[in-house]
Amino acid sequence: MAQATEQSIPPPIATPTTAPRANIDQIVVPAAADVPEEILRTEIIFEARSPLDGAPLSPADYAQLQAELAAAQTTPTLNSDIRFIILLLQARRAFKPVIPFLP
């Protein structure tokens, strides 16, 4: 009877020894050919294009255009008469549910 139980146990499954094992450094570290983003941000642009019309610009012209565009980001102010009319319209909208006979 002891021989029957020994024969019914399957042999252990063999694992392939030719499969390469991955090292954690190979998974986490990027390839050596990849350029880090920090270096890409500091590169000098030699062939710049205008963001307005796509025309090629020299680096000096590109820097000047960027400075002009940054300075032009001021918010325009409305005329005081227009601001007063907007205030009256907002007040009318607030009072309309309370006083329904407003025009």
PDB file of N, CA and C in Angstrom:
ATOM      1  N   MET A   1       0.803  -1.188   0.000  1.00  0.00           N
ATOM      2  CA  MET A   1       0.000   0.000   0.000  1.00  0.00           C
ATOM      3  C   MET A   1       0.853   1.262   0.000  1.00  0.00           C
ATOM      4  N   ALA A   2       2.007   1.193   0.627  1.00  0.00           N
ATOM      5  CA  ALA A   2       2.888   2.348   0.677  1.00  0.00           C
ATOM      6  C   ALA A   2       3.410   2.698  -0.702  1.00  0.00           C
ATOM      7  N   GLN A   3       3.565   1.709  -1.540  1.00  0.00           N
ATOM      8  CA  GLN A   3       4.048   1.963  -2.891  1.00  0.00           C
ATOM      9  C   GLN A   3       3.008   2.704  -3.723  1.00  0.00           C
ATOM     10  N   ALA A   4       1.745   2.464  -3.490  1.00  0.00           N
ATOM     11  CA  ALA A   4       0.682   3.106  -4.271  1.00  0.00           C
ATOM     12  C   ALA A   4       0.603   4.604  -3.979  1.00  0.00           C
ATOM     13  N   THR A   5       0.801   4.989  -2.738  1.00  0.00           N
ATOM     14  CA  THR A   5       0.732   6.406  -2.401  1.00  0.00           C
ATOM     15  C   THR A   5       1.940   7.152  -2.934  1.00  0.00           C
ATOM     16  N   GLU A   6       3.085   6.521  -2.972  1.00  0.00           N
ATOM     17  CA  GLU A   6       4.276   7.175  -3.501  1.00  0.00           C
ATOM     18  C   GLU A   6       4.164   7.412  -4.991  1.00  0.00           C
ATOM     19  N   GLN A   7       3.495   6.524  -5.680  1.00  0.00           N
ATOM     20  CA  GLN A   7       3.355   6.662  -7.116  1.00  0.00           C
ATOM     21  C   GLN A   7       2.283   7.694  -7.493  1.00  0.00           C
ATOM     22  N   SER A   8       1.316   7.959  -6.643  1.00  0.00           N
ATOM     23  CA  SER A   8       0.235   8.892  -6.978  1.00  0.00           C
ATOM     24  C   SER A   8       0.620  10.350  -6.767  1.00  0.00           C
ATOM     25  N   ILE A   9       1.711  10.663  -6.123  1.00  0.00           N
ATOM     26  CA  ILE A   9       2.153  12.052  -5.915  1.00  0.00           C
ATOM     27  C   ILE A   9       2.788  12.551  -7.209  1.00  0.00           C
ATOM     28  N   PRO A  10       2.283  13.631  -7.755  1.00  0.00           N
ATOM     29  CA  PRO A  10       2.868  14.130  -9.005  1.00  0.00           C
ATOM     30  C   PRO A  10       4.239  14.754  -8.756  1.00  0.00           C
ATOM     31  N   PRO A  11       5.088  14.726  -9.721  1.00  0.00           N
ATOM     32  CA  PRO A  11       6.420  15.334  -9.543  1.00  0.00           C
ATOM     33  C   PRO A  11       6.281  16.867  -9.491  1.00  0.00           C
ATOM     34  N   PRO A  12       7.205  17.553  -8.847  1.00  0.00           N
ATOM     35  CA  PRO A  12       7.132  19.021  -8.785  1.00  0.00           C
ATOM     36  C   PRO A  12       7.284  19.639 -10.174  1.00  0.00           C
ATOM     37  N   ILE A  13       6.604  20.777 -10.361  1.00  0.00           N
ATOM     38  CA  ILE A  13       6.636  21.464 -11.651  1.00  0.00           C
ATOM     39  C   ILE A  13       7.976  22.185 -11.786  1.00  0.00           C
ATOM     40  N   ALA A  14       8.628  21.946 -12.872  1.00  0.00           N
ATOM     41  CA  ALA A  14       9.940  22.557 -13.104  1.00  0.00           C
ATOM     42  C   ALA A  14       9.754  23.991 -13.600  1.00  0.00           C
ATOM     43  N   THR A  15      10.507  24.928 -13.056  1.00  0.00           N
ATOM     44  CA  THR A  15      10.467  26.323 -13.504  1.00  0.00           C
ATOM     45  C   THR A  15      11.551  26.533 -14.533  1.00  0.00           C
ATOM     46  N   PRO A  16      11.311  27.347 -15.552  1.00  0.00           N
ATOM     47  CA  PRO A  16      12.354  27.565 -16.557  1.00  0.00           C
ATOM     48  C   PRO A  16      13.501  28.373 -15.967  1.00  0.00           C
ATOM     49  N   THR A  17      14.679  27.916 -16.171  1.00  0.00           N
ATOM     50  CA  THR A  17      15.856  28.606 -15.656  1.00  0.00           C
ATOM     51  C   THR A  17      16.392  29.620 -16.649  1.00  0.00           C
ATOM     52  N   THR A  18      15.850  29.623 -17.865  1.00  0.00           N
ATOM     53  CA  THR A  18      16.346  30.554 -18.877  1.00  0.00           C
ATOM     54  C   THR A  18      15.660  31.909 -18.816  1.00  0.00           C
ATOM     55  N   ALA A  19      14.572  32.065 -18.066  1.00  0.00           N
ATOM     56  CA  ALA A  19      13.859  33.345 -17.987  1.00  0.00           C
ATOM     57  C   ALA A  19      14.684  34.333 -17.172  1.00  0.00           C
ATOM     58  N   PRO A  20      14.929  35.532 -17.715  1.00  0.00           N
ATOM     59  CA  PRO A  20      15.720  36.514 -16.957  1.00  0.00           C
ATOM     60  C   PRO A  20      14.899  37.074 -15.795  1.00  0.00           C
ATOM     61  N   ARG A  21      15.552  37.290 -14.701  1.00  0.00           N
ATOM     62  CA  ARG A  21      14.891  37.866 -13.532  1.00  0.00           C
ATOM     63  C   ARG A  21      15.055  39.382 -13.590  1.00  0.00           C
ATOM     64  N   ALA A  22      13.963  40.108 -13.339  1.00  0.00           N
ATOM     65  CA  ALA A  22      13.989  41.572 -13.383  1.00  0.00           C
ATOM     66  C   ALA A  22      14.503  42.111 -12.061  1.00  0.00           C
ATOM     67  N   ASN A  23      15.423  43.017 -12.156  1.00  0.00           N
ATOM     68  CA  ASN A  23      15.955  43.695 -10.988  1.00  0.00           C
ATOM     69  C   ASN A  23      15.131  44.958 -10.765  1.00  0.00           C
ATOM     70  N   ILE A  24      14.945  45.390  -9.533  1.00  0.00           N
ATOM     71  CA  ILE A  24      14.128  46.571  -9.237  1.00  0.00           C
ATOM     72  C   ILE A  24      14.735  47.831  -9.853  1.00  0.00           C
ATOM     73  N   ASP A  25      16.058  47.900 -10.002  1.00  0.00           N
ATOM     74  CA  ASP A  25      16.696  49.055 -10.623  1.00  0.00           C
ATOM     75  C   ASP A  25      16.344  49.161 -12.106  1.00  0.00           C
ATOM     76  N   GLN A  26      16.143  48.041 -12.752  1.00  0.00           N
ATOM     77  CA  GLN A  26      15.784  48.054 -14.167  1.00  0.00           C
ATOM     78  C   GLN A  26      14.352  48.524 -14.372  1.00  0.00           C
ATOM     79  N   ILE A  27      13.490  48.334 -13.409  1.00  0.00           N
ATOM     80  CA  ILE A  27      12.087  48.707 -13.535  1.00  0.00           C
ATOM     81  C   ILE A  27      11.883  50.179 -13.189  1.00  0.00           C
ATOM     82  N   VAL A  28      12.504  50.682 -12.144  1.00  0.00           N
ATOM     83  CA  VAL A  28      12.256  52.023 -11.629  1.00  0.00           C
ATOM     84  C   VAL A  28      13.039  53.089 -12.378  1.00  0.00           C
ATOM     85  N   VAL A  29      14.281  52.852 -12.684  1.00  0.00           N
ATOM     86  CA  VAL A  29      15.151  53.850 -13.286  1.00  0.00           C
ATOM     87  C   VAL A  29      14.835  53.976 -14.777  1.00  0.00           C
ATOM     88  N   PRO A  30      14.648  55.220 -15.291  1.00  0.00           N
ATOM     89  CA  PRO A  30      14.380  55.367 -16.720  1.00  0.00           C
ATOM     90  C   PRO A  30      15.622  55.050 -17.541  1.00  0.00           C
ATOM     91  N   ALA A  31      15.414  54.908 -18.815  1.00  0.00           N
ATOM     92  CA  ALA A  31      16.521  54.589 -19.706  1.00  0.00           C
ATOM     93  C   ALA A  31      17.524  55.735 -19.741  1.00  0.00           C
ATOM     94  N   ALA A  32      18.760  55.404 -20.058  1.00  0.00           N
ATOM     95  CA  ALA A  32      19.814  56.418 -20.075  1.00  0.00           C
ATOM     96  C   ALA A  32      19.632  57.398 -21.222  1.00  0.00           C
ATOM     97  N   ALA A  33      18.902  57.016 -22.266  1.00  0.00           N
ATOM     98  CA  ALA A  33      18.698  57.909 -23.415  1.00  0.00           C
ATOM     99  C   ALA A  33      17.655  58.984 -23.132  1.00  0.00           C
ATOM    100  N   ASP A  34      16.818  58.826 -22.098  1.00  0.00           N
ATOM    101  CA  ASP A  34      15.797  59.824 -21.774  1.00  0.00           C
ATOM    102  C   ASP A  34      16.459  61.046 -21.148  1.00  0.00           C
ATOM    103  N   VAL A  35      16.070  62.225 -21.638  1.00  0.00           N
ATOM    104  CA  VAL A  35      16.591  63.476 -21.092  1.00  0.00           C
ATOM    105  C   VAL A  35      15.634  63.942 -19.996  1.00  0.00           C
ATOM    106  N   PRO A  36      16.133  64.248 -18.800  1.00  0.00           N
ATOM    107  CA  PRO A  36      15.250  64.687 -17.722  1.00  0.00           C
ATOM    108  C   PRO A  36      14.520  65.987 -18.076  1.00  0.00           C
ATOM    109  N   GLU A  37      13.335  66.136 -17.521  1.00  0.00           N
ATOM    110  CA  GLU A  37      12.516  67.315 -17.806  1.00  0.00           C
ATOM    111  C   GLU A  37      13.189  68.597 -17.317  1.00  0.00           C
ATOM    112  N   GLU A  38      13.922  68.525 -16.230  1.00  0.00           N
ATOM    113  CA  GLU A  38      14.593  69.710 -15.699  1.00  0.00           C
ATOM    114  C   GLU A  38      15.597  70.272 -16.707  1.00  0.00           C
ATOM    115  N   ILE A  39      16.274  69.386 -17.416  1.00  0.00           N
ATOM    116  CA  ILE A  39      17.240  69.837 -18.421  1.00  0.00           C
ATOM    117  C   ILE A  39      16.512  70.387 -19.635  1.00  0.00           C
ATOM    118  N   LEU A  40      15.406  69.759 -20.016  1.00  0.00           N
ATOM    119  CA  LEU A  40      14.651  70.253 -21.165  1.00  0.00           C
ATOM    120  C   LEU A  40      14.091  71.642 -20.924  1.00  0.00           C
ATOM    121  N   ARG A  41      13.719  71.951 -19.682  1.00  0.00           N
ATOM    122  CA  ARG A  41      13.179  73.278 -19.376  1.00  0.00           C
ATOM    123  C   ARG A  41      14.244  74.365 -19.460  1.00  0.00           C
ATOM    124  N   THR A  42      15.521  74.001 -19.289  1.00  0.00           N
ATOM    125  CA  THR A  42      16.577  75.007 -19.297  1.00  0.00           C
ATOM    126  C   THR A  42      17.271  75.134 -20.649  1.00  0.00           C
ATOM    127  N   GLU A  43      16.810  74.368 -21.648  1.00  0.00           N
ATOM    128  CA  GLU A  43      17.446  74.460 -22.957  1.00  0.00           C
ATOM    129  C   GLU A  43      17.119  75.792 -23.623  1.00  0.00           C
ATOM    130  N   ILE A  44      18.066  76.305 -24.371  1.00  0.00           N
ATOM    131  CA  ILE A  44      17.883  77.561 -25.096  1.00  0.00           C
ATOM    132  C   ILE A  44      17.175  77.263 -26.410  1.00  0.00           C
ATOM    133  N   ILE A  45      16.160  78.061 -26.703  1.00  0.00           N
ATOM    134  CA  ILE A  45      15.392  77.867 -27.930  1.00  0.00           C
ATOM    135  C   ILE A  45      16.071  78.666 -29.040  1.00  0.00           C
ATOM    136  N   PHE A  46      16.571  77.974 -30.063  1.00  0.00           N
ATOM    137  CA  PHE A  46      17.206  78.656 -31.183  1.00  0.00           C
ATOM    138  C   PHE A  46      16.240  78.865 -32.348  1.00  0.00           C
ATOM    139  N   GLU A  47      15.277  77.996 -32.494  1.00  0.00           N
ATOM    140  CA  GLU A  47      14.322  78.108 -33.580  1.00  0.00           C
ATOM    141  C   GLU A  47      12.937  78.346 -32.997  1.00  0.00           C
ATOM    142  N   ALA A  48      12.706  79.561 -32.528  1.00  0.00           N
ATOM    143  CA  ALA A  48      11.435  79.889 -31.894  1.00  0.00           C
ATOM    144  C   ALA A  48      10.415  80.299 -32.945  1.00  0.00           C
ATOM    145  N   ARG A  49       9.153  80.050 -32.633  1.00  0.00           N
ATOM    146  CA  ARG A  49       8.052  80.459 -33.500  1.00  0.00           C
ATOM    147  C   ARG A  49       7.102  81.326 -32.697  1.00  0.00           C
ATOM    148  N   SER A  50       6.525  82.291 -33.373  1.00  0.00           N
ATOM    149  CA  SER A  50       5.590  83.203 -32.739  1.00  0.00           C
ATOM    150  C   SER A  50       4.320  82.461 -32.339  1.00  0.00           C
ATOM    151  N   PRO A  51       3.840  82.646 -31.107  1.00  0.00           N
ATOM    152  CA  PRO A  51       2.579  82.011 -30.726  1.00  0.00           C
ATOM    153  C   PRO A  51       1.370  82.672 -31.390  1.00  0.00           C
ATOM    154  N   LEU A  52       1.560  83.838 -31.979  1.00  0.00           N
ATOM    155  CA  LEU A  52       0.450  84.550 -32.616  1.00  0.00           C
ATOM    156  C   LEU A  52       0.191  84.055 -34.030  1.00  0.00           C
ATOM    157  N   ASP A  53       1.241  83.998 -34.859  1.00  0.00           N
ATOM    158  CA  ASP A  53       1.040  83.610 -36.257  1.00  0.00           C
ATOM    159  C   ASP A  53       1.955  82.481 -36.721  1.00  0.00           C
ATOM    160  N   GLY A  54       2.836  81.980 -35.873  1.00  0.00           N
ATOM    161  CA  GLY A  54       3.698  80.862 -36.238  1.00  0.00           C
ATOM    162  C   GLY A  54       4.916  81.239 -37.055  1.00  0.00           C
ATOM    163  N   ALA A  55       5.192  82.521 -37.193  1.00  0.00           N
ATOM    164  CA  ALA A  55       6.352  82.958 -37.965  1.00  0.00           C
ATOM    165  C   ALA A  55       7.635  82.667 -37.187  1.00  0.00           C
ATOM    166  N   PRO A  56       8.724  82.301 -37.883  1.00  0.00           N
ATOM    167  CA  PRO A  56       9.989  82.050 -37.180  1.00  0.00           C
ATOM    168  C   PRO A  56      10.550  83.346 -36.602  1.00  0.00           C
ATOM    169  N   LEU A  57      11.087  83.246 -35.391  1.00  0.00           N
ATOM    170  CA  LEU A  57      11.646  84.407 -34.697  1.00  0.00           C
ATOM    171  C   LEU A  57      13.044  84.078 -34.198  1.00  0.00           C
ATOM    172  N   SER A  58      13.848  85.122 -34.037  1.00  0.00           N
ATOM    173  CA  SER A  58      15.151  84.944 -33.402  1.00  0.00           C
ATOM    174  C   SER A  58      14.928  84.862 -31.889  1.00  0.00           C
ATOM    175  N   PRO A  59      15.901  84.348 -31.138  1.00  0.00           N
ATOM    176  CA  PRO A  59      15.711  84.261 -29.687  1.00  0.00           C
ATOM    177  C   PRO A  59      15.445  85.620 -29.034  1.00  0.00           C
ATOM    178  N   ALA A  60      16.085  86.685 -29.525  1.00  0.00           N
ATOM    179  CA  ALA A  60      15.859  88.010 -28.939  1.00  0.00           C
ATOM    180  C   ALA A  60      14.436  88.490 -29.218  1.00  0.00           C
ATOM    181  N   ASP A  61      13.969  88.281 -30.465  1.00  0.00           N
ATOM    182  CA  ASP A  61      12.604  88.683 -30.799  1.00  0.00           C
ATOM    183  C   ASP A  61      11.582  87.868 -30.018  1.00  0.00           C
ATOM    184  N   TYR A  62      11.869  86.583 -29.823  1.00  0.00           N
ATOM    185  CA  TYR A  62      10.961  85.721 -29.070  1.00  0.00           C
ATOM    186  C   TYR A  62      10.860  86.191 -27.616  1.00  0.00           C
ATOM    187  N   ALA A  63      11.999  86.519 -27.003  1.00  0.00           N
ATOM    188  CA  ALA A  63      11.995  87.001 -25.623  1.00  0.00           C
ATOM    189  C   ALA A  63      11.241  88.316 -25.512  1.00  0.00           C
ATOM    190  N   GLN A  64      11.426  89.198 -26.493  1.00  0.00           N
ATOM    191  CA  GLN A  64      10.722  90.479 -26.486  1.00  0.00           C
ATOM    192  C   GLN A  64       9.208  90.260 -26.623  1.00  0.00           C
ATOM    193  N   LEU A  65       8.800  89.360 -27.506  1.00  0.00           N
ATOM    194  CA  LEU A  65       7.381  89.075 -27.690  1.00  0.00           C
ATOM    195  C   LEU A  65       6.780  88.469 -26.431  1.00  0.00           C
ATOM    196  N   GLN A  66       7.508  87.576 -25.775  1.00  0.00           N
ATOM    197  CA  GLN A  66       7.010  86.990 -24.531  1.00  0.00           C
ATOM    198  C   GLN A  66       6.843  88.059 -23.454  1.00  0.00           C
ATOM    199  N   ALA A  67       7.776  89.009 -23.379  1.00  0.00           N
ATOM    200  CA  ALA A  67       7.662  90.089 -22.396  1.00  0.00           C
ATOM    201  C   ALA A  67       6.460  90.977 -22.709  1.00  0.00           C
ATOM    202  N   GLU A  68       6.232  91.265 -23.993  1.00  0.00           N
ATOM    203  CA  GLU A  68       5.078  92.086 -24.371  1.00  0.00           C
ATOM    204  C   GLU A  68       3.766  91.382 -24.067  1.00  0.00           C
ATOM    205  N   LEU A  69       3.710  90.085 -24.339  1.00  0.00           N
ATOM    206  CA  LEU A  69       2.490  89.343 -24.059  1.00  0.00           C
ATOM    207  C   LEU A  69       2.229  89.235 -22.559  1.00  0.00           C
ATOM    208  N   ALA A  70       3.273  89.114 -21.765  1.00  0.00           N
ATOM    209  CA  ALA A  70       3.100  89.037 -20.312  1.00  0.00           C
ATOM    210  C   ALA A  70       2.640  90.380 -19.753  1.00  0.00           C
ATOM    211  N   ALA A  71       3.140  91.471 -20.321  1.00  0.00           N
ATOM    212  CA  ALA A  71       2.750  92.801 -19.839  1.00  0.00           C
ATOM    213  C   ALA A  71       1.333  93.149 -20.265  1.00  0.00           C
ATOM    214  N   ALA A  72       0.857  92.572 -21.340  1.00  0.00           N
ATOM    215  CA  ALA A  72      -0.471  92.900 -21.856  1.00  0.00           C
ATOM    216  C   ALA A  72      -1.573  92.120 -21.147  1.00  0.00           C
ATOM    217  N   GLN A  73      -1.272  91.403 -20.101  1.00  0.00           N
ATOM    218  CA  GLN A  73      -2.262  90.600 -19.397  1.00  0.00           C
ATOM    219  C   GLN A  73      -3.030  91.394 -18.343  1.00  0.00           C
ATOM    220  N   THR A  74      -3.008  92.695 -18.406  1.00  0.00           N
ATOM    221  CA  THR A  74      -3.762  93.505 -17.457  1.00  0.00           C
ATOM    222  C   THR A  74      -5.245  93.436 -17.788  1.00  0.00           C
ATOM    223  N   THR A  75      -6.073  93.501 -16.777  1.00  0.00           N
ATOM    224  CA  THR A  75      -7.513  93.430 -16.990  1.00  0.00           C
ATOM    225  C   THR A  75      -8.045  94.817 -17.329  1.00  0.00           C
ATOM    226  N   PRO A  76      -8.820  94.951 -18.381  1.00  0.00           N
ATOM    227  CA  PRO A  76      -9.382  96.253 -18.723  1.00  0.00           C
ATOM    228  C   PRO A  76     -10.489  96.624 -17.741  1.00  0.00           C
ATOM    229  N   THR A  77     -10.586  97.904 -17.419  1.00  0.00           N
ATOM    230  CA  THR A  77     -11.611  98.381 -16.505  1.00  0.00           C
ATOM    231  C   THR A  77     -12.781  98.944 -17.302  1.00  0.00           C
ATOM    232  N   LEU A  78     -13.968  98.798 -16.758  1.00  0.00           N
ATOM    233  CA  LEU A  78     -15.165  99.306 -17.408  1.00  0.00           C
ATOM    234  C   LEU A  78     -15.403 100.766 -17.038  1.00  0.00           C
ATOM    235  N   ASN A  79     -16.119 101.420 -17.882  1.00  0.00           N
ATOM    236  CA  ASN A  79     -16.534 102.789 -17.624  1.00  0.00           C
ATOM    237  C   ASN A  79     -17.428 102.793 -16.378  1.00  0.00           C
ATOM    238  N   SER A  80     -17.378 103.849 -15.597  1.00  0.00           N
ATOM    239  CA  SER A  80     -18.168 103.903 -14.358  1.00  0.00           C
ATOM    240  C   SER A  80     -19.668 103.878 -14.650  1.00  0.00           C
ATOM    241  N   ASP A  81     -20.117 104.456 -15.775  1.00  0.00           N
ATOM    242  CA  ASP A  81     -21.541 104.408 -16.128  1.00  0.00           C
ATOM    243  C   ASP A  81     -21.991 102.967 -16.403  1.00  0.00           C
ATOM    244  N   ILE A  82     -21.171 102.211 -17.108  1.00  0.00           N
ATOM    245  CA  ILE A  82     -21.515 100.816 -17.413  1.00  0.00           C
ATOM    246  C   ILE A  82     -21.527  99.985 -16.134  1.00  0.00           C
ATOM    247  N   ARG A  83     -20.579 100.223 -15.240  1.00  0.00           N
ATOM    248  CA  ARG A  83     -20.562  99.495 -13.966  1.00  0.00           C
ATOM    249  C   ARG A  83     -21.809  99.807 -13.152  1.00  0.00           C
ATOM    250  N   PHE A  84     -22.278 101.062 -13.188  1.00  0.00           N
ATOM    251  CA  PHE A  84     -23.485 101.438 -12.447  1.00  0.00           C
ATOM    252  C   PHE A  84     -24.716 100.755 -13.047  1.00  0.00           C
ATOM    253  N   ILE A  85     -24.789 100.661 -14.360  1.00  0.00           N
ATOM    254  CA  ILE A  85     -25.923  99.991 -15.006  1.00  0.00           C
ATOM    255  C   ILE A  85     -25.930  98.502 -14.654  1.00  0.00           C
ATOM    256  N   ILE A  86     -24.764  97.887 -14.616  1.00  0.00           N
ATOM    257  CA  ILE A  86     -24.670  96.475 -14.238  1.00  0.00           C
ATOM    258  C   ILE A  86     -25.118  96.290 -12.795  1.00  0.00           C
ATOM    259  N   LEU A  87     -24.754  97.213 -11.915  1.00  0.00           N
ATOM    260  CA  LEU A  87     -25.185  97.150 -10.517  1.00  0.00           C
ATOM    261  C   LEU A  87     -26.707  97.245 -10.429  1.00  0.00           C
ATOM    262  N   LEU A  88     -27.326  98.150 -11.198  1.00  0.00           N
ATOM    263  CA  LEU A  88     -28.785  98.283 -11.181  1.00  0.00           C
ATOM    264  C   LEU A  88     -29.467  97.015 -11.704  1.00  0.00           C
ATOM    265  N   LEU A  89     -28.910  96.414 -12.757  1.00  0.00           N
ATOM    266  CA  LEU A  89     -29.493  95.181 -13.287  1.00  0.00           C
ATOM    267  C   LEU A  89     -29.393  94.033 -12.281  1.00  0.00           C
ATOM    268  N   GLN A  90     -28.277  93.948 -11.573  1.00  0.00           N
ATOM    269  CA  GLN A  90     -28.136  92.909 -10.553  1.00  0.00           C
ATOM    270  C   GLN A  90     -29.101  93.142  -9.391  1.00  0.00           C
ATOM    271  N   ALA A  91     -29.307  94.410  -9.013  1.00  0.00           N
ATOM    272  CA  ALA A  91     -30.267  94.723  -7.949  1.00  0.00           C
ATOM    273  C   ALA A  91     -31.683  94.380  -8.404  1.00  0.00           C
ATOM    274  N   ARG A  92     -31.997  94.687  -9.662  1.00  0.00           N
ATOM    275  CA  ARG A  92     -33.322  94.356 -10.197  1.00  0.00           C
ATOM    276  C   ARG A  92     -33.550  92.847 -10.179  1.00  0.00           C
ATOM    277  N   ARG A  93     -32.528  92.081 -10.555  1.00  0.00           N
ATOM    278  CA  ARG A  93     -32.647  90.632 -10.548  1.00  0.00           C
ATOM    279  C   ARG A  93     -32.849  90.100  -9.120  1.00  0.00           C
ATOM    280  N   ALA A  94     -32.226  90.746  -8.139  1.00  0.00           N
ATOM    281  CA  ALA A  94     -32.371  90.309  -6.752  1.00  0.00           C
ATOM    282  C   ALA A  94     -33.756  90.638  -6.206  1.00  0.00           C
ATOM    283  N   PHE A  95     -34.335  91.773  -6.591  1.00  0.00           N
ATOM    284  CA  PHE A  95     -35.641  92.189  -6.075  1.00  0.00           C
ATOM    285  C   PHE A  95     -36.800  91.594  -6.858  1.00  0.00           C
ATOM    286  N   LYS A  96     -36.579  91.086  -8.028  1.00  0.00           N
ATOM    287  CA  LYS A  96     -37.671  90.568  -8.883  1.00  0.00           C
ATOM    288  C   LYS A  96     -38.467  89.454  -8.223  1.00  0.00           C
ATOM    289  N   PRO A  97     -37.864  88.466  -7.537  1.00  0.00           N
ATOM    290  CA  PRO A  97     -38.699  87.440  -6.880  1.00  0.00           C
ATOM    291  C   PRO A  97     -39.518  87.994  -5.718  1.00  0.00           C
ATOM    292  N   VAL A  98     -39.035  89.031  -5.050  1.00  0.00           N
ATOM    293  CA  VAL A  98     -39.729  89.589  -3.891  1.00  0.00           C
ATOM    294  C   VAL A  98     -40.852  90.505  -4.347  1.00  0.00           C
ATOM    295  N   ILE A  99     -40.585  91.339  -5.341  1.00  0.00           N
ATOM    296  CA  ILE A  99     -41.560  92.304  -5.861  1.00  0.00           C
ATOM    297  C   ILE A  99     -41.819  91.933  -7.315  1.00  0.00           C
ATOM    298  N   PRO A 100     -42.832  91.097  -7.613  1.00  0.00           N
ATOM    299  CA  PRO A 100     -43.011  90.584  -8.967  1.00  0.00           C
ATOM    300  C   PRO A 100     -43.507  91.609  -9.981  1.00  0.00           C
ATOM    301  N   PHE A 101     -44.026  92.729  -9.552  1.00  0.00           N
ATOM    302  CA  PHE A 101     -44.563  93.705 -10.501  1.00  0.00           C
ATOM    303  C   PHE A 101     -43.486  94.657 -11.042  1.00  0.00           C
ATOM    304  N   LEU A 102     -42.229  94.439 -10.738  1.00  0.00           N
ATOM    305  CA  LEU A 102     -41.163  95.258 -11.314  1.00  0.00           C
ATOM    306  C   LEU A 102     -41.094  95.000 -12.811  1.00  0.00           C
ATOM    307  N   PRO A 103     -40.850  96.047 -13.604  1.00  0.00           N
ATOM    308  CA  PRO A 103     -40.765  95.823 -15.062  1.00  0.00           C
ATOM    309  C   PRO A 103     -39.535  95.041 -15.466  1.00  0.00           C
TER     310      PRO A 103
END
